Amino acid sequence: MKYKFLLPLLFAVPAFGQTTTIRQDAKIEQMVDEVSSKNIEAIVRKLVSFKTRHTLSDTLSKTEGIGAARNWIKGEMEQYAKASGGRMHVEFDTFTQPAGGRIDRPTILKNVLAILKGTDPNDKRIYIVSGHYDSRVNDVMDAKSVAPGAVDDASGTAVSMEIARVMSKQSFPATIIFMAVAGEEQGLNGSTNVAKRAKEEKWAVDAMLNNDIVGNTHGMETNLKDNRSVRVFSEGVASTVADAGNEKVLAALINNGGENDSPSRELARYIKEVAERYVAQLDVKMIYRRDRFLRGGDHTPFLKQGFAAVRFTEMNEDFNRQHQNVRKENGVDYGDTPEFADYDYIQKVARMNLSVLANLALAPAQPQNVGITTSGLTNKSTLKWEAPAEGKKPAGYYVLMRETISPYWDKKFYVTDTTATLDYSKDNYFFAVQSVDADGHESQMVYPKPVK
């Protein structure tokens, strides 16, 4: 089928039957505007008030320790759920972490999950947003010292909680889980439990967004100050391919390209396009790494289970704040205390998360079995795919195209069929396909496999 439109991706998209400027969804705009920096600051300061949220800290006190913190988070989420008309419920994901590594005794851990159930019974997709609510100081086994954890990671927890408050009032075809996990600092324990559970119970996790250290705008040593940039870390080759040592799949990547087009890397591109559409003064910086050097995050267990997942982190970090005992030395303040957090910046990060989750959860599911025809020598490119198996039917599809050296998708072609032949050589460009509904909500991009 002939394509209808050819437009620059980041500047305009086609409405059906005409060319127009990008249309923002008024419903998403309203939710974005409702995200409050004051609410975020209140959440962060409340979490700090528990003195320490170390994974091995007190679980019996009502005012101090990780037990008091998780009970408060669950109670707040339950208050938000009252606005959902019964669609959102809140639960503890409880499990026993055995002794080993940074856990010195068998310990009961509890993640908090606020599950906003999708309205379409035929749509099984699940989207997860997370922050970790545990904290630490210099000694990772010190469960007694004051560990405010304002930015690492009350900021990420506040993102998850605040957008749960806003989005609970709305309905979406797909399910969204707003999560606060424990045990991150001790070895990604909480997220590992949820990721394994998701795999074992066959959750259709379409994307996982991890917010970890998203509240600081000042870079230590460099003295850089940046309140508009946020990093999104994504892996290029999928963990399940690399870890399995699948020589056939790896050989195909080397031969045909695709090292830069894992599901998580496509998710990162999607995030940049959609978030910058809705959030003013935001620059999403794609970082072509799973995570920072010497560090890890709660998206990693989901990657290991085969799900698309990314990590959000502030652009410039202040290591005088992270994993530090609260103190003052030689006139320098150390410790992750709330007065050093930038709450307007956290608000921006929360709005980024919300816009992406809303657009995904409102969109049709991804097209299936996307392939690019490789038989025959030709300077054209033919792609074929199948409609999503579940959920609402797409109004059409976008075939995306970029030069092989381009980090982002450059152009979109709109079609209503499940095949497209373009007057561009597959040897010179990369392609992908995404579903779209009549209101312009796009699914994630799917990179095609070579087919004969």
Protein backbone atom coordinates (compact mmCIF):
# COMPACT_ATOMS: atom_id res chain seq x y z
CA MET A 1 0.00 0.00 0.00
CA LYS A 2 1.23 3.51 -0.79
CA TYR A 3 2.09 5.67 2.17
CA LYS A 4 0.08 8.86 2.65
CA PHE A 5 2.37 11.23 4.47
CA LEU A 6 6.04 11.97 4.96
CA LEU A 7 6.76 14.42 7.76
CA PRO A 8 9.58 15.25 10.17
CA LEU A 9 8.96 13.13 13.26
CA LEU A 10 9.73 15.58 16.03
CA PHE A 11 7.90 18.55 14.54
CA ALA A 12 4.63 17.30 13.14
CA VAL A 13 2.48 14.24 12.70
CA PRO A 14 -0.30 13.60 10.21
CA ALA A 15 -3.92 13.86 11.20
CA PHE A 16 -6.06 11.55 9.16
CA GLY A 17 -6.62 13.02 5.72
CA GLN A 18 -4.52 16.14 6.24
CA THR A 19 -1.20 17.46 7.41
CA THR A 20 -1.26 19.30 10.72
CA THR A 21 0.84 20.35 13.68
CA ILE A 22 1.21 17.84 16.51
CA ARG A 23 -2.01 17.58 18.50
CA GLN A 24 -1.67 17.26 22.22
CA ASP A 25 -4.34 15.25 23.98
CA ALA A 26 -6.29 17.63 26.25
CA LYS A 27 -6.80 14.84 28.78
CA ILE A 28 -3.06 14.23 29.06
CA GLU A 29 -2.36 17.97 29.20
CA GLN A 30 -4.78 18.31 32.10
CA MET A 31 -3.10 15.51 34.03
CA VAL A 32 0.36 16.94 33.35
CA ASP A 33 -0.71 20.33 34.67
CA GLU A 34 -2.15 18.75 37.82
CA VAL A 35 1.19 17.30 38.96
CA SER A 36 2.18 19.45 41.95
CA SER A 37 5.68 20.35 43.13
CA LYS A 38 4.21 21.17 46.57
CA ASN A 39 2.75 17.67 46.88
CA ILE A 40 6.06 16.18 45.77
CA GLU A 41 7.97 18.19 48.37
CA ALA A 42 5.50 17.13 51.08
CA ILE A 43 6.01 13.46 50.15
CA VAL A 44 9.80 13.78 50.18
CA ARG A 45 9.86 15.56 53.54
CA LYS A 46 7.50 13.00 55.05
CA LEU A 47 9.72 10.14 53.91
CA VAL A 48 12.75 11.93 55.33
CA SER A 49 10.93 12.29 58.67
CA PHE A 50 11.25 8.53 59.27
CA LYS A 51 14.99 9.22 59.92
CA THR A 52 16.14 6.05 58.18
CA ARG A 53 14.43 3.82 55.64
CA HIS A 54 17.25 1.30 55.57
CA THR A 55 15.95 -2.08 54.47
CA LEU A 56 17.14 -3.69 57.73
CA SER A 57 15.85 -0.90 59.99
CA ASP A 58 12.98 -0.91 62.50
CA THR A 59 9.67 -2.38 61.32
CA LEU A 60 7.69 -1.97 64.56
CA SER A 61 7.86 1.76 65.25
CA LYS A 62 5.06 3.92 63.91
CA THR A 63 7.33 6.93 63.41
CA GLU A 64 10.80 5.64 62.48
CA GLY A 65 12.31 3.07 60.16
CA ILE A 66 11.30 1.27 57.02
CA GLY A 67 8.19 -0.28 58.57
CA ALA A 68 6.66 3.11 59.34
CA ALA A 69 7.65 4.39 55.90
CA ARG A 70 6.04 1.56 53.95
CA ASN A 71 2.86 1.72 56.01
CA TRP A 72 2.61 5.45 55.33
CA ILE A 73 3.18 4.99 51.59
CA LYS A 74 0.49 2.31 51.42
CA GLY A 75 -1.94 4.50 53.39
CA GLU A 76 -1.36 7.47 51.08
CA MET A 77 -1.85 5.33 47.98
CA GLU A 78 -5.10 4.02 49.46
CA GLN A 79 -6.29 7.61 49.87
CA TYR A 80 -5.52 8.26 46.20
CA ALA A 81 -7.40 5.09 45.23
CA LYS A 82 -10.66 6.51 46.61
CA ALA A 83 -10.87 8.77 43.54
CA SER A 84 -10.65 5.80 41.15
CA GLY A 85 -14.18 4.50 41.55
CA GLY A 86 -12.86 1.11 42.62
CA ARG A 87 -10.47 0.73 39.69
CA MET A 88 -7.30 1.15 41.75
CA HIS A 89 -6.36 -1.08 44.65
CA VAL A 90 -3.24 -1.02 46.81
CA GLU A 91 -1.36 -4.00 48.18
CA PHE A 92 1.89 -5.08 49.76
CA ASP A 93 4.02 -7.39 47.66
CA THR A 94 5.48 -9.28 50.63
CA PHE A 95 8.33 -11.79 50.51
CA THR A 96 11.21 -13.07 52.63
CA GLN A 97 14.67 -12.17 51.39
CA PRO A 98 17.13 -14.88 52.51
CA ALA A 99 20.41 -13.99 54.18
CA GLY A 100 23.26 -13.30 51.80
CA GLY A 101 25.20 -10.40 50.36
CA ARG A 102 23.93 -7.19 51.91
CA ILE A 103 21.16 -8.99 53.81
CA ASP A 104 22.61 -10.35 57.06
CA ARG A 105 19.52 -12.29 58.16
CA PRO A 106 16.30 -13.55 56.56
CA THR A 107 14.19 -10.41 56.26
CA ILE A 108 10.57 -9.78 55.34
CA LEU A 109 10.44 -7.08 52.66
CA LYS A 110 7.37 -5.29 51.37
CA ASN A 111 6.92 -3.48 48.09
CA VAL A 112 3.93 -1.18 47.71
CA LEU A 113 1.89 -1.67 44.52
CA ALA A 114 -0.98 0.62 43.54
CA ILE A 115 -2.67 -1.12 40.62
CA LEU A 116 -4.91 0.99 38.36
CA LYS A 117 -6.84 -1.66 36.47
CA GLY A 118 -7.42 -1.14 32.77
CA THR A 119 -10.98 -0.72 31.56
CA ASP A 120 -10.68 -2.99 28.51
CA PRO A 121 -10.96 -6.66 29.59
CA ASN A 122 -9.35 -7.68 26.30
CA ASP A 123 -6.30 -5.48 26.87
CA LYS A 124 -3.77 -7.35 29.01
CA ARG A 125 -0.96 -4.78 28.80
CA ILE A 126 0.68 -3.57 32.01
CA TYR A 127 2.82 -0.47 32.48
CA ILE A 128 4.96 -0.08 35.61
CA VAL A 129 6.47 3.06 37.12
CA SER A 130 8.72 2.75 40.16
CA GLY A 131 10.96 4.40 42.72
CA HIS A 132 12.70 2.75 45.69
CA TYR A 133 11.80 3.94 49.16
CA ASP A 134 14.72 2.46 51.10
CA SER A 135 17.77 4.60 51.96
CA ARG A 136 21.35 4.20 53.20
CA VAL A 137 24.48 6.00 54.43
CA ASN A 138 28.20 5.32 53.82
CA ASP A 139 28.10 1.88 55.41
CA VAL A 140 25.54 -0.11 53.46
CA MET A 141 24.90 -2.31 56.51
CA ASP A 142 24.29 0.63 58.89
CA ALA A 143 20.58 0.40 59.73
CA LYS A 144 20.70 2.83 62.66
CA SER A 145 22.18 6.11 61.44
CA VAL A 146 20.01 8.87 60.05
CA ALA A 147 19.63 8.23 56.30
CA PRO A 148 17.28 10.91 54.86
CA GLY A 149 17.43 9.65 51.27
CA ALA A 150 15.69 12.78 49.98
CA VAL A 151 16.90 12.43 46.40
CA ASP A 152 18.04 8.79 46.56
CA ASP A 153 15.30 7.83 46.33
CA ALA A 154 12.45 9.68 47.99
CA SER A 155 12.42 11.71 44.76
CA GLY A 156 11.64 8.64 42.65
CA THR A 157 9.10 7.39 45.18
CA ALA A 158 7.42 10.81 45.12
CA VAL A 159 7.20 10.64 41.33
CA SER A 160 5.40 7.30 41.50
CA MET A 161 3.07 8.47 44.27
CA GLU A 162 2.19 11.88 42.84
CA ILE A 163 1.32 10.59 39.38
CA ALA A 164 -0.71 7.80 41.03
CA ARG A 165 -2.72 10.53 42.75
CA VAL A 166 -3.36 12.31 39.46
CA MET A 167 -3.93 9.30 37.21
CA SER A 168 -6.20 7.44 39.65
CA LYS A 169 -8.97 9.86 38.67
CA GLN A 170 -8.79 8.80 35.02
CA SER A 171 -9.41 5.56 33.15
CA PHE A 172 -7.19 3.80 30.63
CA PRO A 173 -7.70 0.65 28.53
CA ALA A 174 -4.42 -0.82 29.84
CA THR A 175 -3.32 -1.36 33.44
CA ILE A 176 -0.80 0.89 35.21
CA ILE A 177 1.10 -0.15 38.35
CA PHE A 178 2.55 2.60 40.53
CA MET A 179 5.27 0.99 42.61
CA ALA A 180 7.53 1.81 45.56
CA VAL A 181 10.08 -0.93 46.22
CA ALA A 182 12.38 -1.84 49.09
CA GLY A 183 15.84 -3.40 49.13
CA GLU A 184 17.31 -1.49 46.21
CA GLU A 185 20.40 -0.45 48.12
CA GLN A 186 20.88 -4.01 49.43
CA GLY A 187 20.88 -5.61 45.99
CA LEU A 188 17.74 -4.73 43.98
CA ASN A 189 15.79 -7.15 46.17
CA GLY A 190 12.31 -5.63 45.87
CA SER A 191 12.34 -5.09 42.12
CA THR A 192 13.80 -8.55 41.57
CA ASN A 193 10.85 -10.09 43.39
CA VAL A 194 8.31 -8.16 41.31
CA ALA A 195 10.12 -8.89 38.04
CA LYS A 196 10.24 -12.64 38.79
CA ARG A 197 6.61 -12.59 39.82
CA ALA A 198 5.69 -10.80 36.59
CA LYS A 199 7.49 -13.45 34.56
CA GLU A 200 6.06 -16.40 36.47
CA GLU A 201 2.51 -15.04 36.43
CA LYS A 202 2.83 -14.06 32.76
CA TRP A 203 2.14 -10.36 33.21
CA ALA A 204 2.10 -8.60 29.85
CA VAL A 205 4.53 -5.88 30.96
CA ASP A 206 4.88 -3.56 27.98
CA ALA A 207 7.22 -1.07 29.67
CA MET A 208 8.86 -0.43 33.05
CA LEU A 209 9.98 3.09 34.02
CA ASN A 210 12.44 3.30 36.92
CA ASN A 211 12.98 6.67 38.63
CA ASP A 212 16.11 6.68 40.77
CA ILE A 213 17.87 9.90 41.85
CA VAL A 214 15.74 12.44 40.01
CA GLY A 215 15.78 15.44 42.35
CA ASN A 216 19.11 17.25 42.07
CA THR A 217 20.14 19.84 39.46
CA HIS A 218 23.70 20.66 40.54
CA GLY A 219 26.76 18.68 39.50
CA MET A 220 29.52 18.15 42.05
CA GLU A 221 33.03 19.18 40.83
CA THR A 222 31.79 20.49 37.48
CA ASN A 223 29.47 23.05 39.12
CA LEU A 224 27.05 22.50 36.23
CA LYS A 225 23.45 23.46 36.92
CA ASP A 226 20.74 22.00 34.73
CA ASN A 227 17.03 21.91 35.61
CA ARG A 228 15.76 20.86 32.21
CA SER A 229 17.76 17.74 31.27
CA VAL A 230 17.05 14.22 32.47
CA ARG A 231 18.92 11.09 31.46
CA VAL A 232 17.18 7.96 30.24
CA PHE A 233 19.43 4.90 30.36
CA SER A 234 18.60 2.07 27.96
CA GLU A 235 20.44 -1.01 26.80
CA GLY A 236 21.17 -1.56 23.10
CA VAL A 237 21.33 -5.34 22.88
CA ALA A 238 18.59 -6.96 24.97
CA SER A 239 19.82 -8.63 28.16
CA THR A 240 17.99 -11.83 27.30
CA VAL A 241 19.94 -12.06 24.04
CA ALA A 242 23.33 -11.16 25.48
CA ASP A 243 23.02 -13.24 28.64
CA ALA A 244 21.82 -16.33 26.82
CA GLY A 245 24.76 -16.16 24.46
CA ASN A 246 22.41 -16.72 21.53
CA GLU A 247 24.99 -16.80 18.77
CA LYS A 248 22.42 -16.92 15.96
CA VAL A 249 20.58 -13.81 17.17
CA LEU A 250 23.83 -11.99 17.88
CA ALA A 251 25.15 -12.87 14.44
CA ALA A 252 21.99 -11.44 12.87
CA LEU A 253 22.43 -8.20 14.81
CA ILE A 254 26.03 -7.89 13.66
CA ASN A 255 25.15 -8.69 10.06
CA ASN A 256 21.98 -6.64 9.65
CA GLY A 257 22.23 -3.92 12.31
CA GLY A 258 19.89 -3.61 15.24
CA GLU A 259 22.45 -3.34 18.04
CA ASN A 260 20.89 0.03 18.76
CA ASP A 261 17.26 -1.07 18.51
CA SER A 262 16.37 -3.26 21.46
CA PRO A 263 12.85 -2.86 22.87
CA SER A 264 14.30 -0.76 25.69
CA ARG A 265 16.16 1.52 23.29
CA GLU A 266 12.94 2.00 21.29
CA LEU A 267 11.17 2.79 24.56
CA ALA A 268 13.77 5.48 25.26
CA ARG A 269 13.16 7.04 21.84
CA TYR A 270 9.42 6.93 22.49
CA ILE A 271 9.91 8.66 25.83
CA LYS A 272 11.91 11.48 24.28
CA GLU A 273 9.32 12.12 21.58
CA VAL A 274 6.21 11.98 23.78
CA ALA A 275 7.58 13.65 26.91
CA GLU A 276 8.98 16.62 25.05
CA ARG A 277 5.60 16.96 23.37
CA TYR A 278 3.88 17.57 26.70
CA VAL A 279 6.47 18.97 29.12
CA ALA A 280 7.90 22.44 28.57
CA GLN A 281 11.62 23.09 29.04
CA LEU A 282 12.46 19.39 29.06
CA ASP A 283 15.37 17.79 27.26
CA VAL A 284 15.39 13.99 27.48
CA LYS A 285 18.98 12.83 27.07
CA MET A 286 19.29 9.30 25.74
CA ILE A 287 22.24 7.51 27.34
CA TYR A 288 23.32 4.42 25.44
CA ARG A 289 24.08 2.36 28.54
CA ARG A 290 22.06 0.12 30.83
CA ASP A 291 23.17 2.24 33.80
CA ARG A 292 26.03 4.35 35.12
CA PHE A 293 29.48 2.94 35.85
CA LEU A 294 29.67 1.04 39.17
CA ARG A 295 25.92 1.46 39.74
CA GLY A 296 22.70 -0.48 39.16
CA GLY A 297 18.98 0.10 39.29
CA ASP A 298 15.56 -1.48 39.64
CA HIS A 299 15.02 -1.65 35.88
CA THR A 300 17.76 -4.28 35.58
CA PRO A 301 15.76 -7.23 37.01
CA PHE A 302 13.00 -6.47 34.52
CA LEU A 303 15.52 -6.44 31.67
CA LYS A 304 16.80 -9.81 32.85
CA GLN A 305 13.25 -11.19 32.64
CA GLY A 306 12.85 -9.97 29.06
CA PHE A 307 10.79 -6.81 29.62
CA ALA A 308 11.46 -3.38 28.11
CA ALA A 309 12.74 -1.15 30.92
CA VAL A 310 14.66 2.11 31.34
CA ARG A 311 16.11 4.21 34.14
CA PHE A 312 15.60 7.95 34.68
CA THR A 313 18.31 9.84 36.57
CA GLU A 314 19.19 13.52 36.96
CA MET A 315 21.72 14.92 34.50
CA ASN A 316 24.38 16.05 36.98
CA GLU A 317 24.86 14.21 40.25
CA ASP A 318 26.16 15.48 43.58
CA PHE A 319 28.01 12.60 45.24
CA ASN A 320 28.36 14.59 48.47
CA ARG A 321 24.67 13.81 48.90
CA GLN A 322 24.45 10.16 47.87
CA HIS A 323 25.17 7.34 50.38
CA GLN A 324 26.59 9.82 52.88
CA ASN A 325 26.25 10.19 56.63
CA VAL A 326 24.77 13.58 57.44
CA ARG A 327 27.64 15.80 58.58
CA LYS A 328 29.72 18.88 57.84
CA GLU A 329 33.44 18.61 57.07
CA ASN A 330 35.73 21.50 56.18
CA GLY A 331 32.72 23.67 55.52
CA VAL A 332 31.14 21.14 53.13
CA ASP A 333 27.68 19.70 53.80
CA TYR A 334 27.26 15.97 53.29
CA GLY A 335 24.07 13.95 53.32
CA ASP A 336 20.94 13.50 51.24
CA THR A 337 18.78 16.07 53.02
CA PRO A 338 15.59 17.66 51.63
CA GLU A 339 16.82 21.26 51.43
CA PHE A 340 19.14 20.30 48.57
CA ALA A 341 16.38 18.81 46.39
CA ASP A 342 14.88 20.78 43.48
CA TYR A 343 11.14 20.12 43.70
CA ASP A 344 10.26 21.93 40.48
CA TYR A 345 12.68 19.60 38.72
CA ILE A 346 11.11 16.52 40.31
CA GLN A 347 7.76 17.87 39.15
CA LYS A 348 9.11 18.01 35.60
CA VAL A 349 10.34 14.41 35.84
CA ALA A 350 6.95 13.32 37.18
CA ARG A 351 5.19 15.06 34.30
CA MET A 352 7.50 13.26 31.88
CA ASN A 353 6.57 9.89 33.39
CA LEU A 354 2.88 10.70 33.39
CA SER A 355 2.73 11.85 29.77
CA VAL A 356 4.50 8.71 28.56
CA LEU A 357 2.40 6.32 30.66
CA ALA A 358 -0.84 8.00 29.65
CA ASN A 359 -0.02 8.00 25.94
CA LEU A 360 1.01 4.33 26.06
CA ALA A 361 -1.99 3.20 28.12
CA LEU A 362 -4.43 5.03 25.83
CA ALA A 363 -2.81 3.77 22.61
CA PRO A 364 -3.51 0.49 20.82
CA ALA A 365 -1.12 -2.37 21.49
CA GLN A 366 2.00 -2.85 19.40
CA PRO A 367 1.75 -4.41 15.94
CA GLN A 368 2.78 -8.06 15.90
CA ASN A 369 5.31 -10.03 13.85
CA VAL A 370 6.83 -6.97 12.23
CA GLY A 371 9.18 -7.94 9.42
CA ILE A 372 11.14 -6.37 6.59
CA THR A 373 11.41 -8.30 3.34
CA THR A 374 14.98 -9.15 2.40
CA SER A 375 14.43 -11.33 -0.67
CA GLY A 376 15.57 -9.82 -3.97
CA LEU A 377 17.86 -6.90 -4.76
CA THR A 378 15.88 -3.65 -4.74
CA ASN A 379 16.20 -0.03 -3.70
CA LYS A 380 12.75 -0.13 -2.12
CA SER A 381 11.77 -1.44 1.31
CA THR A 382 8.73 -3.57 2.08
CA LEU A 383 7.51 -4.07 5.63
CA LYS A 384 4.74 -6.38 6.76
CA TRP A 385 3.11 -6.89 10.14
CA GLU A 386 -0.03 -8.10 11.88
CA ALA A 387 -2.61 -6.14 13.85
CA PRO A 388 -2.43 -6.34 17.65
CA ALA A 389 -4.00 -9.54 18.93
CA GLU A 390 -5.76 -7.86 21.88
CA GLY A 391 -7.34 -4.57 22.81
CA LYS A 392 -8.78 -1.90 20.58
CA LYS A 393 -8.20 -1.95 16.85
CA PRO A 394 -5.72 0.66 15.57
CA ALA A 395 -6.96 3.36 13.22
CA GLY A 396 -3.70 2.93 11.34
CA TYR A 397 0.04 2.54 11.65
CA TYR A 398 3.16 4.63 11.42
CA VAL A 399 6.16 3.27 9.58
CA LEU A 400 9.15 5.08 11.06
CA MET A 401 12.43 5.68 9.27
CA ARG A 402 15.83 7.03 10.20
CA GLU A 403 19.29 7.11 8.70
CA THR A 404 21.60 4.46 10.11
CA ILE A 405 23.68 7.12 11.90
CA SER A 406 20.68 8.93 13.38
CA PRO A 407 19.83 8.45 17.09
CA TYR A 408 16.14 9.27 16.60
CA TRP A 409 13.40 8.35 14.17
CA ASP A 410 13.42 11.07 11.49
CA LYS A 411 10.22 10.47 9.53
CA LYS A 412 6.82 8.83 9.84
CA PHE A 413 4.68 7.34 7.08
CA TYR A 414 1.01 6.75 7.87
CA VAL A 415 -0.75 3.69 6.42
CA THR A 416 -4.00 1.90 7.17
CA ASP A 417 -2.94 -1.49 5.79
CA THR A 418 -0.57 -3.99 7.44
CA THR A 419 2.03 -3.69 4.72
CA ALA A 420 3.97 -0.80 3.23
CA THR A 421 6.50 -0.44 0.40
CA LEU A 422 8.65 2.68 0.64
CA ASP A 423 10.84 4.28 -1.98
CA TYR A 424 13.83 4.11 0.33
CA SER A 425 16.49 1.40 0.42
CA LYS A 426 16.57 -0.94 3.41
CA ASP A 427 20.34 -0.90 3.03
CA ASN A 428 20.50 2.82 3.82
CA TYR A 429 17.85 3.26 6.53
CA PHE A 430 16.43 1.65 9.63
CA PHE A 431 12.68 1.17 10.02
CA ALA A 432 10.11 0.44 12.71
CA VAL A 433 6.31 0.23 12.96
CA GLN A 434 3.87 1.45 15.62
CA SER A 435 0.09 1.35 15.99
CA VAL A 436 -1.90 4.56 16.34
CA ASP A 437 -5.50 5.34 17.23
CA ALA A 438 -7.80 8.02 15.81
CA ASP A 439 -6.72 10.48 18.52
CA GLY A 440 -3.03 10.13 17.74
CA HIS A 441 -1.95 7.94 20.68
CA GLU A 442 0.94 5.80 19.48
CA SER A 443 2.11 2.41 20.70
CA GLN A 444 5.75 1.66 21.22
CA MET A 445 7.89 1.22 18.12
CA VAL A 446 8.68 -2.31 16.95
CA TYR A 447 11.93 -2.93 15.07
CA PRO A 448 11.41 -5.42 12.22
CA LYS A 449 13.04 -8.78 11.80
CA PRO A 450 14.39 -9.78 8.36
CA VAL A 451 11.95 -12.09 6.58
CA LYS A 452 11.99 -13.82 3.23
